[in-house]
Amino acid sequence: MTVQLPILLWTVITFCLMVFVLNRFLFRPMLSFMDKRQEKIERAAVLQAEHTRALAETEEKLAAFRAEEEKHQAELVQQALRKARQDAEDLITITHRKQNQNLDLHVAQLEMESKEIENVLDKRLEELAELYAAALLSR
């Protein structure tokens, strides 16, 4: 086996030319494309991290808002309960006053009726006494 210098030379030249062409038209564009793609991936990762952080902050704010709103709702319920109790007490007080007024009115009416009955009974007693006296005198 002998080394043929012209074939070796053409093989080396062809190889170098092939490396140059592949580097120029394949590897550089491919590496450039891969670099751009890697930059997009990194930017997307940064955006994802920012969005994740913003989402966490928003969820914390939402939880705080919900807690505050629940506290506010509880206060409103307590205020409504206090007002309802006060209204009930006022209503009971008014009802007691009206009942006392009605009771006083009925007591006054009963006293008047009692006096009328006493008057009627006194008149009847006088009539009965007169009749009895007349019956005694007529004997």
N, C-alpha and C. Protein backbone atom coordinates (compact mmCIF):
# COMPACT_ATOMS: atom_id res chain seq x y z
N MET A 1 0.82 -1.15 0.00
CA MET A 1 0.00 0.00 0.00
C MET A 1 0.88 1.24 0.00
N THR A 2 0.64 2.02 -0.94
CA THR A 2 1.46 3.20 -1.07
C THR A 2 0.58 4.44 -0.92
N VAL A 3 1.13 5.44 -0.43
CA VAL A 3 0.40 6.68 -0.23
C VAL A 3 0.55 7.48 -1.51
N GLN A 4 -0.57 7.82 -2.05
CA GLN A 4 -0.56 8.62 -3.27
C GLN A 4 -0.81 10.06 -2.86
N LEU A 5 0.16 10.79 -3.09
CA LEU A 5 0.15 12.18 -2.64
C LEU A 5 -0.95 13.01 -3.29
N PRO A 6 -1.23 12.96 -4.56
CA PRO A 6 -2.29 13.77 -5.14
C PRO A 6 -3.67 13.42 -4.55
N ILE A 7 -3.93 12.15 -4.32
CA ILE A 7 -5.22 11.74 -3.76
C ILE A 7 -5.33 12.24 -2.33
N LEU A 8 -4.22 12.12 -1.60
CA LEU A 8 -4.21 12.59 -0.21
C LEU A 8 -4.43 14.10 -0.18
N LEU A 9 -3.76 14.80 -1.10
CA LEU A 9 -3.90 16.24 -1.15
C LEU A 9 -5.34 16.64 -1.48
N TRP A 10 -5.94 16.01 -2.48
CA TRP A 10 -7.33 16.29 -2.85
C TRP A 10 -8.31 15.91 -1.73
N THR A 11 -8.01 14.87 -1.02
CA THR A 11 -8.86 14.44 0.10
C THR A 11 -8.82 15.49 1.21
N VAL A 12 -7.60 15.99 1.50
CA VAL A 12 -7.46 17.01 2.54
C VAL A 12 -8.15 18.29 2.09
N ILE A 13 -7.97 18.69 0.84
CA ILE A 13 -8.59 19.92 0.33
C ILE A 13 -10.11 19.76 0.34
N THR A 14 -10.60 18.63 -0.12
CA THR A 14 -12.05 18.37 -0.15
C THR A 14 -12.61 18.37 1.27
N PHE A 15 -11.87 17.75 2.19
CA PHE A 15 -12.31 17.71 3.59
C PHE A 15 -12.37 19.12 4.16
N CYS A 16 -11.33 19.92 3.90
CA CYS A 16 -11.31 21.30 4.41
C CYS A 16 -12.43 22.12 3.80
N LEU A 17 -12.65 21.95 2.49
CA LEU A 17 -13.72 22.65 1.83
C LEU A 17 -15.09 22.24 2.40
N MET A 18 -15.27 20.95 2.64
CA MET A 18 -16.51 20.44 3.22
C MET A 18 -16.73 20.99 4.63
N VAL A 19 -15.65 21.06 5.42
CA VAL A 19 -15.75 21.61 6.77
C VAL A 19 -16.12 23.10 6.69
N PHE A 20 -15.49 23.81 5.74
CA PHE A 20 -15.79 25.22 5.57
C PHE A 20 -17.26 25.42 5.17
N VAL A 21 -17.74 24.69 4.19
CA VAL A 21 -19.12 24.81 3.71
C VAL A 21 -20.11 24.43 4.81
N LEU A 22 -19.85 23.32 5.48
CA LEU A 22 -20.74 22.89 6.57
C LEU A 22 -20.74 23.92 7.70
N ASN A 23 -19.59 24.45 8.03
CA ASN A 23 -19.50 25.46 9.08
C ASN A 23 -20.26 26.71 8.67
N ARG A 24 -20.06 27.11 7.45
CA ARG A 24 -20.66 28.35 6.97
C ARG A 24 -22.17 28.24 6.82
N PHE A 25 -22.67 27.18 6.24
CA PHE A 25 -24.08 27.07 5.90
C PHE A 25 -24.92 26.17 6.81
N LEU A 26 -24.28 25.40 7.66
CA LEU A 26 -25.04 24.51 8.52
C LEU A 26 -24.79 24.79 10.00
N PHE A 27 -23.55 24.71 10.43
CA PHE A 27 -23.26 24.82 11.86
C PHE A 27 -23.52 26.22 12.41
N ARG A 28 -23.06 27.27 11.74
CA ARG A 28 -23.28 28.63 12.23
C ARG A 28 -24.78 28.96 12.32
N PRO A 29 -25.58 28.74 11.24
CA PRO A 29 -27.01 29.02 11.35
C PRO A 29 -27.69 28.16 12.44
N MET A 30 -27.24 26.90 12.53
CA MET A 30 -27.83 26.03 13.53
C MET A 30 -27.47 26.51 14.94
N LEU A 31 -26.21 26.89 15.15
CA LEU A 31 -25.79 27.40 16.46
C LEU A 31 -26.48 28.73 16.77
N SER A 32 -26.61 29.58 15.74
CA SER A 32 -27.32 30.84 15.94
C SER A 32 -28.77 30.58 16.32
N PHE A 33 -29.43 29.66 15.62
CA PHE A 33 -30.81 29.30 15.92
C PHE A 33 -30.91 28.74 17.34
N MET A 34 -29.99 27.89 17.73
CA MET A 34 -30.01 27.29 19.07
C MET A 34 -29.75 28.34 20.14
N ASP A 35 -28.86 29.31 19.85
CA ASP A 35 -28.63 30.40 20.82
C ASP A 35 -29.89 31.25 21.00
N LYS A 36 -30.54 31.59 19.88
CA LYS A 36 -31.78 32.37 19.98
C LYS A 36 -32.85 31.59 20.74
N ARG A 37 -32.94 30.31 20.45
CA ARG A 37 -33.92 29.47 21.16
C ARG A 37 -33.61 29.43 22.65
N GLN A 38 -32.35 29.29 23.01
CA GLN A 38 -31.95 29.27 24.41
C GLN A 38 -32.29 30.59 25.10
N GLU A 39 -32.08 31.72 24.40
CA GLU A 39 -32.44 33.03 24.95
C GLU A 39 -33.95 33.13 25.21
N LYS A 40 -34.75 32.63 24.23
CA LYS A 40 -36.20 32.63 24.42
C LYS A 40 -36.59 31.78 25.63
N ILE A 41 -35.95 30.63 25.78
CA ILE A 41 -36.25 29.74 26.92
C ILE A 41 -35.90 30.45 28.22
N GLU A 42 -34.74 31.13 28.26
CA GLU A 42 -34.34 31.84 29.47
C GLU A 42 -35.30 32.98 29.78
N ARG A 43 -35.70 33.74 28.73
CA ARG A 43 -36.67 34.82 28.96
C ARG A 43 -38.00 34.27 29.45
N ALA A 44 -38.41 33.16 28.89
CA ALA A 44 -39.67 32.54 29.34
C ALA A 44 -39.55 32.08 30.78
N ALA A 45 -38.39 31.55 31.16
CA ALA A 45 -38.20 31.12 32.54
C ALA A 45 -38.25 32.32 33.49
N VAL A 46 -37.63 33.44 33.07
CA VAL A 46 -37.66 34.65 33.89
C VAL A 46 -39.11 35.16 34.03
N LEU A 47 -39.84 35.19 32.90
CA LEU A 47 -41.24 35.62 32.93
C LEU A 47 -42.08 34.70 33.81
N GLN A 48 -41.81 33.40 33.70
CA GLN A 48 -42.55 32.45 34.53
C GLN A 48 -42.28 32.72 36.01
N ALA A 49 -41.02 32.96 36.35
CA ALA A 49 -40.68 33.24 37.74
C ALA A 49 -41.38 34.52 38.22
N GLU A 50 -41.38 35.56 37.36
CA GLU A 50 -42.06 36.80 37.72
C GLU A 50 -43.55 36.59 37.89
N HIS A 51 -44.15 35.84 36.98
CA HIS A 51 -45.59 35.58 37.06
C HIS A 51 -45.92 34.72 38.28
N THR A 52 -45.07 33.77 38.57
CA THR A 52 -45.29 32.94 39.76
C THR A 52 -45.22 33.79 41.02
N ARG A 53 -44.25 34.68 41.08
CA ARG A 53 -44.12 35.58 42.23
C ARG A 53 -45.34 36.51 42.31
N ALA A 54 -45.75 37.05 41.16
CA ALA A 54 -46.93 37.93 41.15
C ALA A 54 -48.18 37.17 41.56
N LEU A 55 -48.30 35.93 41.11
CA LEU A 55 -49.44 35.11 41.49
C LEU A 55 -49.45 34.85 43.00
N ALA A 56 -48.28 34.55 43.55
CA ALA A 56 -48.19 34.32 45.00
C ALA A 56 -48.58 35.59 45.77
N GLU A 57 -48.09 36.74 45.31
CA GLU A 57 -48.44 38.00 45.97
C GLU A 57 -49.95 38.26 45.88
N THR A 58 -50.51 38.01 44.71
CA THR A 58 -51.95 38.21 44.52
C THR A 58 -52.74 37.27 45.42
N GLU A 59 -52.31 36.03 45.52
CA GLU A 59 -53.00 35.08 46.39
C GLU A 59 -52.91 35.51 47.85
N GLU A 60 -51.75 36.05 48.26
CA GLU A 60 -51.62 36.55 49.63
C GLU A 60 -52.55 37.73 49.87
N LYS A 61 -52.60 38.65 48.89
CA LYS A 61 -53.49 39.80 49.01
C LYS A 61 -54.95 39.35 49.06
N LEU A 62 -55.27 38.36 48.23
CA LEU A 62 -56.64 37.84 48.22
C LEU A 62 -56.99 37.19 49.55
N ALA A 63 -56.06 36.43 50.11
CA ALA A 63 -56.31 35.80 51.41
C ALA A 63 -56.49 36.86 52.49
N ALA A 64 -55.65 37.90 52.45
CA ALA A 64 -55.79 38.99 53.43
C ALA A 64 -57.12 39.71 53.24
N PHE A 65 -57.51 39.95 51.98
CA PHE A 65 -58.78 40.60 51.71
C PHE A 65 -59.94 39.76 52.20
N ARG A 66 -59.88 38.45 51.95
CA ARG A 66 -60.95 37.55 52.41
C ARG A 66 -61.03 37.56 53.93
N ALA A 67 -59.89 37.52 54.59
CA ALA A 67 -59.89 37.54 56.07
C ALA A 67 -60.50 38.85 56.56
N GLU A 68 -60.10 39.95 55.95
CA GLU A 68 -60.65 41.26 56.35
C GLU A 68 -62.15 41.31 56.08
N GLU A 69 -62.56 40.77 54.94
CA GLU A 69 -63.98 40.77 54.60
C GLU A 69 -64.78 39.88 55.56
N GLU A 70 -64.23 38.74 55.94
CA GLU A 70 -64.90 37.88 56.92
C GLU A 70 -65.02 38.59 58.27
N LYS A 71 -63.96 39.30 58.65
CA LYS A 71 -64.00 40.06 59.90
C LYS A 71 -65.07 41.15 59.82
N HIS A 72 -65.12 41.83 58.68
CA HIS A 72 -66.11 42.89 58.48
C HIS A 72 -67.53 42.30 58.53
N GLN A 73 -67.72 41.15 57.88
CA GLN A 73 -69.03 40.50 57.89
C GLN A 73 -69.42 40.09 59.31
N ALA A 74 -68.46 39.58 60.08
CA ALA A 74 -68.74 39.20 61.46
C ALA A 74 -69.14 40.43 62.28
N GLU A 75 -68.46 41.55 62.06
CA GLU A 75 -68.82 42.78 62.76
C GLU A 75 -70.23 43.24 62.38
N LEU A 76 -70.56 43.13 61.08
CA LEU A 76 -71.90 43.51 60.65
C LEU A 76 -72.96 42.62 61.29
N VAL A 77 -72.66 41.34 61.38
CA VAL A 77 -73.60 40.41 62.02
C VAL A 77 -73.78 40.77 63.49
N GLN A 78 -72.66 41.07 64.15
CA GLN A 78 -72.74 41.45 65.57
C GLN A 78 -73.55 42.73 65.74
N GLN A 79 -73.33 43.71 64.86
CA GLN A 79 -74.09 44.95 64.93
C GLN A 79 -75.58 44.68 64.71
N ALA A 80 -75.88 43.83 63.74
CA ALA A 80 -77.28 43.50 63.46
C ALA A 80 -77.91 42.79 64.66
N LEU A 81 -77.14 41.89 65.29
CA LEU A 81 -77.66 41.20 66.48
C LEU A 81 -77.91 42.19 67.61
N ARG A 82 -76.96 43.11 67.84
CA ARG A 82 -77.16 44.11 68.89
C ARG A 82 -78.39 44.97 68.61
N LYS A 83 -78.53 45.38 67.35
CA LYS A 83 -79.69 46.19 66.99
C LYS A 83 -80.97 45.39 67.16
N ALA A 84 -80.97 44.13 66.76
CA ALA A 84 -82.17 43.30 66.91
C ALA A 84 -82.52 43.12 68.39
N ARG A 85 -81.50 42.90 69.22
CA ARG A 85 -81.76 42.77 70.65
C ARG A 85 -82.33 44.08 71.22
N GLN A 86 -81.74 45.21 70.82
CA GLN A 86 -82.23 46.50 71.30
C GLN A 86 -83.66 46.73 70.83
N ASP A 87 -83.93 46.41 69.56
CA ASP A 87 -85.29 46.57 69.04
C ASP A 87 -86.27 45.67 69.80
N ALA A 88 -85.84 44.44 70.10
CA ALA A 88 -86.70 43.52 70.85
C ALA A 88 -86.96 44.06 72.25
N GLU A 89 -85.91 44.58 72.90
CA GLU A 89 -86.10 45.16 74.23
C GLU A 89 -87.03 46.37 74.18
N ASP A 90 -86.85 47.21 73.17
CA ASP A 90 -87.73 48.37 73.01
C ASP A 90 -89.18 47.93 72.79
N LEU A 91 -89.35 46.93 71.96
CA LEU A 91 -90.69 46.41 71.69
C LEU A 91 -91.31 45.82 72.95
N ILE A 92 -90.52 45.10 73.72
CA ILE A 92 -91.01 44.54 74.98
C ILE A 92 -91.40 45.66 75.93
N THR A 93 -90.57 46.68 76.02
CA THR A 93 -90.87 47.82 76.89
C THR A 93 -92.17 48.50 76.47
N ILE A 94 -92.32 48.75 75.18
CA ILE A 94 -93.54 49.38 74.67
C ILE A 94 -94.76 48.50 74.96
N THR A 95 -94.59 47.20 74.74
CA THR A 95 -95.69 46.27 75.00
C THR A 95 -96.07 46.26 76.47
N HIS A 96 -95.07 46.29 77.34
CA HIS A 96 -95.34 46.33 78.78
C HIS A 96 -96.09 47.62 79.14
N ARG A 97 -95.68 48.74 78.58
CA ARG A 97 -96.37 50.00 78.83
C ARG A 97 -97.82 49.93 78.39
N LYS A 98 -98.04 49.41 77.18
CA LYS A 98 -99.40 49.30 76.67
C LYS A 98 -100.22 48.35 77.55
N GLN A 99 -99.60 47.23 77.97
CA GLN A 99 -100.31 46.30 78.84
C GLN A 99 -100.65 46.98 80.17
N ASN A 100 -99.72 47.73 80.71
CA ASN A 100 -99.99 48.44 81.97
C ASN A 100 -101.09 49.47 81.77
N GLN A 101 -101.06 50.19 80.64
CA GLN A 101 -102.12 51.16 80.36
C GLN A 101 -103.47 50.46 80.24
N ASN A 102 -103.49 49.34 79.51
CA ASN A 102 -104.72 48.57 79.36
C ASN A 102 -105.20 48.05 80.72
N LEU A 103 -104.25 47.59 81.52
CA LEU A 103 -104.60 47.09 82.85
C LEU A 103 -105.18 48.21 83.70
N ASP A 104 -104.52 49.37 83.66
CA ASP A 104 -105.04 50.52 84.41
C ASP A 104 -106.44 50.90 83.91
N LEU A 105 -106.63 50.88 82.61
CA LEU A 105 -107.92 51.19 82.02
C LEU A 105 -108.98 50.20 82.49
N HIS A 106 -108.64 48.92 82.45
CA HIS A 106 -109.59 47.88 82.87
C HIS A 106 -109.87 47.99 84.37
N VAL A 107 -108.85 48.29 85.17
CA VAL A 107 -109.05 48.46 86.61
C VAL A 107 -110.00 49.64 86.84
N ALA A 108 -109.79 50.73 86.11
CA ALA A 108 -110.66 51.89 86.24
C ALA A 108 -112.09 51.54 85.84
N GLN A 109 -112.21 50.78 84.74
CA GLN A 109 -113.54 50.36 84.30
C GLN A 109 -114.20 49.46 85.34
N LEU A 110 -113.42 48.54 85.91
CA LEU A 110 -113.97 47.66 86.94
C LEU A 110 -114.38 48.45 88.17
N GLU A 111 -113.60 49.44 88.55
CA GLU A 111 -113.95 50.28 89.69
C GLU A 111 -115.25 51.03 89.42
N MET A 112 -115.38 51.56 88.18
CA MET A 112 -116.61 52.27 87.83
C MET A 112 -117.80 51.31 87.86
N GLU A 113 -117.61 50.12 87.29
CA GLU A 113 -118.69 49.13 87.30
C GLU A 113 -119.03 48.72 88.72
N SER A 114 -117.98 48.58 89.54
CA SER A 114 -118.19 48.22 90.94
C SER A 114 -119.00 49.30 91.65
N LYS A 115 -118.68 50.59 91.40
CA LYS A 115 -119.42 51.69 92.00
C LYS A 115 -120.86 51.70 91.50
N GLU A 116 -121.04 51.45 90.19
CA GLU A 116 -122.40 51.39 89.65
C GLU A 116 -123.19 50.27 90.32
N ILE A 117 -122.53 49.11 90.47
CA ILE A 117 -123.20 47.98 91.12
C ILE A 117 -123.53 48.33 92.56
N GLU A 118 -122.58 49.00 93.25
CA GLU A 118 -122.83 49.41 94.63
C GLU A 118 -124.01 50.37 94.69
N ASN A 119 -124.04 51.33 93.75
CA ASN A 119 -125.15 52.30 93.70
C ASN A 119 -126.47 51.57 93.48
N VAL A 120 -126.46 50.64 92.50
CA VAL A 120 -127.67 49.89 92.21
C VAL A 120 -128.08 49.09 93.45
N LEU A 121 -127.09 48.44 94.08
CA LEU A 121 -127.39 47.64 95.28
C LEU A 121 -127.88 48.53 96.42
N ASP A 122 -127.29 49.72 96.59
CA ASP A 122 -127.74 50.65 97.62
C ASP A 122 -129.20 51.05 97.37
N LYS A 123 -129.52 51.37 96.10
CA LYS A 123 -130.89 51.75 95.75
C LYS A 123 -131.84 50.59 96.04
N ARG A 124 -131.42 49.40 95.66
CA ARG A 124 -132.27 48.24 95.86
C ARG A 124 -132.43 47.97 97.35
N LEU A 125 -131.32 48.18 98.07
CA LEU A 125 -131.37 47.96 99.51
C LEU A 125 -132.31 48.97 100.17
N GLU A 126 -132.25 50.21 99.69
CA GLU A 126 -133.16 51.24 100.22
C GLU A 126 -134.61 50.88 99.91
N GLU A 127 -134.83 50.44 98.64
CA GLU A 127 -136.17 50.05 98.24
C GLU A 127 -136.67 48.88 99.09
N LEU A 128 -135.72 47.91 99.27
CA LEU A 128 -136.07 46.75 100.07
C LEU A 128 -136.34 47.15 101.52
N ALA A 129 -135.55 48.07 102.03
CA ALA A 129 -135.75 48.54 103.41
C ALA A 129 -137.09 49.28 103.51
N GLU A 130 -137.41 50.10 102.51
CA GLU A 130 -138.68 50.81 102.51
C GLU A 130 -139.84 49.83 102.45
N LEU A 131 -139.68 48.81 101.60
CA LEU A 131 -140.73 47.80 101.49
C LEU A 131 -140.89 47.04 102.80
N TYR A 132 -139.75 46.76 103.41
CA TYR A 132 -139.80 46.03 104.68
C TYR A 132 -140.42 46.90 105.76
N ALA A 133 -140.01 48.16 105.78
CA ALA A 133 -140.58 49.08 106.76
C ALA A 133 -142.08 49.25 106.51
N ALA A 134 -142.46 49.35 105.24
CA ALA A 134 -143.87 49.49 104.91
C ALA A 134 -144.63 48.23 105.31
N ALA A 135 -144.00 47.09 105.11
CA ALA A 135 -144.64 45.83 105.47
C ALA A 135 -144.77 45.73 106.97
N LEU A 136 -143.83 46.22 107.71
CA LEU A 136 -143.89 46.19 109.17
C LEU A 136 -144.95 47.17 109.69
N LEU A 137 -145.03 48.30 109.08
CA LEU A 137 -145.98 49.34 109.52
C LEU A 137 -147.42 48.95 109.15
N SER A 138 -147.54 48.27 108.08
CA SER A 138 -148.87 47.90 107.63
C SER A 138 -149.42 46.73 108.47
N ARG A 139 -148.76 46.17 109.26
CA ARG A 139 -149.22 45.08 110.07
C ARG A 139 -149.84 45.50 111.27
